[in-house]
Amino acid sequence: MIRMENKEKFAFRKVPMNQDVEVEFIKLLTENQEKSDESLLMAFKDKITSNKVTCHADMLSRTSSLIIFQTSKFSRLALEYRDYEIWVFSKAKTLNLNKEANCLYETWTLNRFRI
């Protein structure tokens, strides 16, 4: 029998997002992608922080085609951390359907996972 009591267990569940929310965060990333890591992280934190919760975020990875954030929220009402998530922004090549252009272009996609 294998003992697994010392192994950490993670369950990643994809979090459904309203399309407007996804577009809003992709727009934020597009507007800030040329800025420093710190500036991008601050813009991201500001976007998900509200008067009820404080967002804590770290940038786990950043390349020209992939940006990964790890987030949690501290509820000021309940005085606890919650909503631990991984946000994965990745660039995908998409076929331009305009007949005149007929080429590939890169667009950001967003997947969010609850831990």
Protein backbone atom coordinates (compact mmCIF):
# COMPACT_ATOMS: atom_id res chain seq x y z
CA MET A 1 0.00 0.00 0.00
CA ILE A 2 1.35 3.42 -1.00
CA ARG A 3 1.14 6.12 1.64
CA MET A 4 0.32 9.54 0.20
CA GLU A 5 -0.22 11.56 3.36
CA ASN A 6 2.73 13.90 2.69
CA LYS A 7 1.83 14.76 -0.88
CA GLU A 8 0.08 18.03 -1.57
CA LYS A 9 -3.10 17.70 -3.59
CA PHE A 10 -4.46 20.29 -5.98
CA ALA A 11 -7.68 20.20 -7.88
CA PHE A 12 -7.83 22.62 -10.79
CA ARG A 13 -11.33 23.45 -11.94
CA LYS A 14 -11.92 25.73 -14.89
CA VAL A 15 -13.91 28.78 -13.83
CA PRO A 16 -16.62 29.86 -16.25
CA MET A 17 -16.47 33.53 -17.14
CA ASN A 18 -18.96 35.90 -18.64
CA GLN A 19 -17.68 36.83 -22.11
CA ASP A 20 -17.73 40.53 -21.19
CA VAL A 21 -15.44 39.85 -18.22
CA GLU A 22 -13.04 37.84 -20.39
CA VAL A 23 -12.94 40.62 -23.01
CA GLU A 24 -12.38 43.22 -20.27
CA PHE A 25 -9.32 41.38 -18.87
CA ILE A 26 -7.89 40.67 -22.32
CA LYS A 27 -8.26 44.37 -23.13
CA LEU A 28 -6.45 45.23 -19.87
CA LEU A 29 -3.62 42.86 -20.78
CA THR A 30 -3.38 44.19 -24.34
CA GLU A 31 -3.18 47.78 -23.09
CA ASN A 32 -0.45 46.92 -20.55
CA GLN A 33 1.54 44.15 -22.29
CA GLU A 34 4.45 46.43 -23.17
CA LYS A 35 4.79 47.73 -19.60
CA SER A 36 7.03 46.33 -16.88
CA ASP A 37 6.07 43.25 -14.87
CA GLU A 38 5.35 45.45 -11.86
CA SER A 39 3.11 47.84 -13.82
CA LEU A 40 1.19 44.98 -15.42
CA LEU A 41 0.74 43.28 -12.05
CA MET A 42 -0.50 46.49 -10.42
CA ALA A 43 -3.02 47.10 -13.24
CA PHE A 44 -4.25 43.52 -12.88
CA LYS A 45 -4.58 43.82 -9.07
CA ASP A 46 -6.43 47.13 -9.39
CA LYS A 47 -8.89 45.54 -11.81
CA ILE A 48 -9.91 42.69 -9.50
CA THR A 49 -9.85 44.56 -6.19
CA SER A 50 -13.10 46.05 -4.93
CA ASN A 51 -14.28 47.78 -1.77
CA LYS A 52 -15.33 44.39 -0.34
CA VAL A 53 -12.21 42.36 -1.15
CA THR A 54 -8.49 42.99 -1.50
CA CYS A 55 -6.72 41.07 -4.24
CA HIS A 56 -3.35 39.46 -3.74
CA ALA A 57 -1.60 38.49 -6.96
CA ASP A 58 1.75 37.18 -8.16
CA MET A 59 2.99 36.83 -11.70
CA LEU A 60 4.22 33.25 -11.99
CA SER A 61 5.42 33.44 -15.58
CA ARG A 62 5.73 35.95 -18.39
CA THR A 63 6.87 35.36 -21.94
CA SER A 64 5.87 37.03 -25.19
CA SER A 65 3.02 34.55 -25.63
CA LEU A 66 2.10 33.44 -22.09
CA ILE A 67 1.35 35.27 -18.83
CA ILE A 68 0.27 33.43 -15.69
CA PHE A 69 -1.07 35.08 -12.53
CA GLN A 70 -1.85 33.43 -9.21
CA THR A 71 -4.49 35.25 -7.17
CA SER A 72 -6.40 35.11 -3.93
CA LYS A 73 -8.83 37.53 -2.37
CA PHE A 74 -9.03 38.67 1.22
CA SER A 75 -12.59 39.34 2.32
CA ARG A 76 -12.74 42.32 4.65
CA LEU A 77 -16.21 41.24 5.72
CA ALA A 78 -15.36 37.61 6.60
CA LEU A 79 -11.68 38.32 7.42
CA GLU A 80 -10.46 35.32 5.40
CA TYR A 81 -8.61 34.48 2.19
CA ARG A 82 -10.68 32.86 -0.55
CA ASP A 83 -10.95 32.35 -4.30
CA TYR A 84 -7.48 31.00 -4.98
CA GLU A 85 -7.11 31.07 -8.76
CA ILE A 86 -4.66 30.73 -11.63
CA TRP A 87 -5.20 33.07 -14.59
CA VAL A 88 -3.58 31.91 -17.84
CA PHE A 89 -3.33 34.41 -20.68
CA SER A 90 -1.95 32.88 -23.87
CA LYS A 91 -1.56 34.10 -27.43
CA ALA A 92 -3.22 32.04 -30.10
CA LYS A 93 -2.82 32.38 -33.84
CA THR A 94 -6.17 32.96 -35.50
CA LEU A 95 -7.05 32.98 -39.16
CA ASN A 96 -8.16 36.43 -40.31
CA LEU A 97 -11.44 35.84 -42.12
CA ASN A 98 -11.15 39.07 -44.09
CA LYS A 99 -10.69 37.88 -47.70
CA GLU A 100 -8.32 40.73 -48.49
CA ALA A 101 -5.98 40.04 -45.56
CA ASN A 102 -6.06 36.20 -45.58
CA CYS A 103 -3.37 35.76 -42.93
CA LEU A 104 -2.86 34.68 -39.35
CA TYR A 105 -2.89 37.15 -36.49
CA GLU A 106 -2.26 36.69 -32.77
CA THR A 107 -4.95 37.23 -30.16
CA TRP A 108 -4.89 36.75 -26.40
CA THR A 109 -7.07 34.08 -24.80
CA LEU A 110 -7.85 33.72 -21.11
CA ASN A 111 -8.45 30.60 -19.03
CA ARG A 112 -9.05 30.85 -15.31
CA PHE A 113 -8.77 27.94 -12.87
CA ARG A 114 -9.86 27.65 -9.25
CA ILE A 115 -7.38 25.81 -7.05
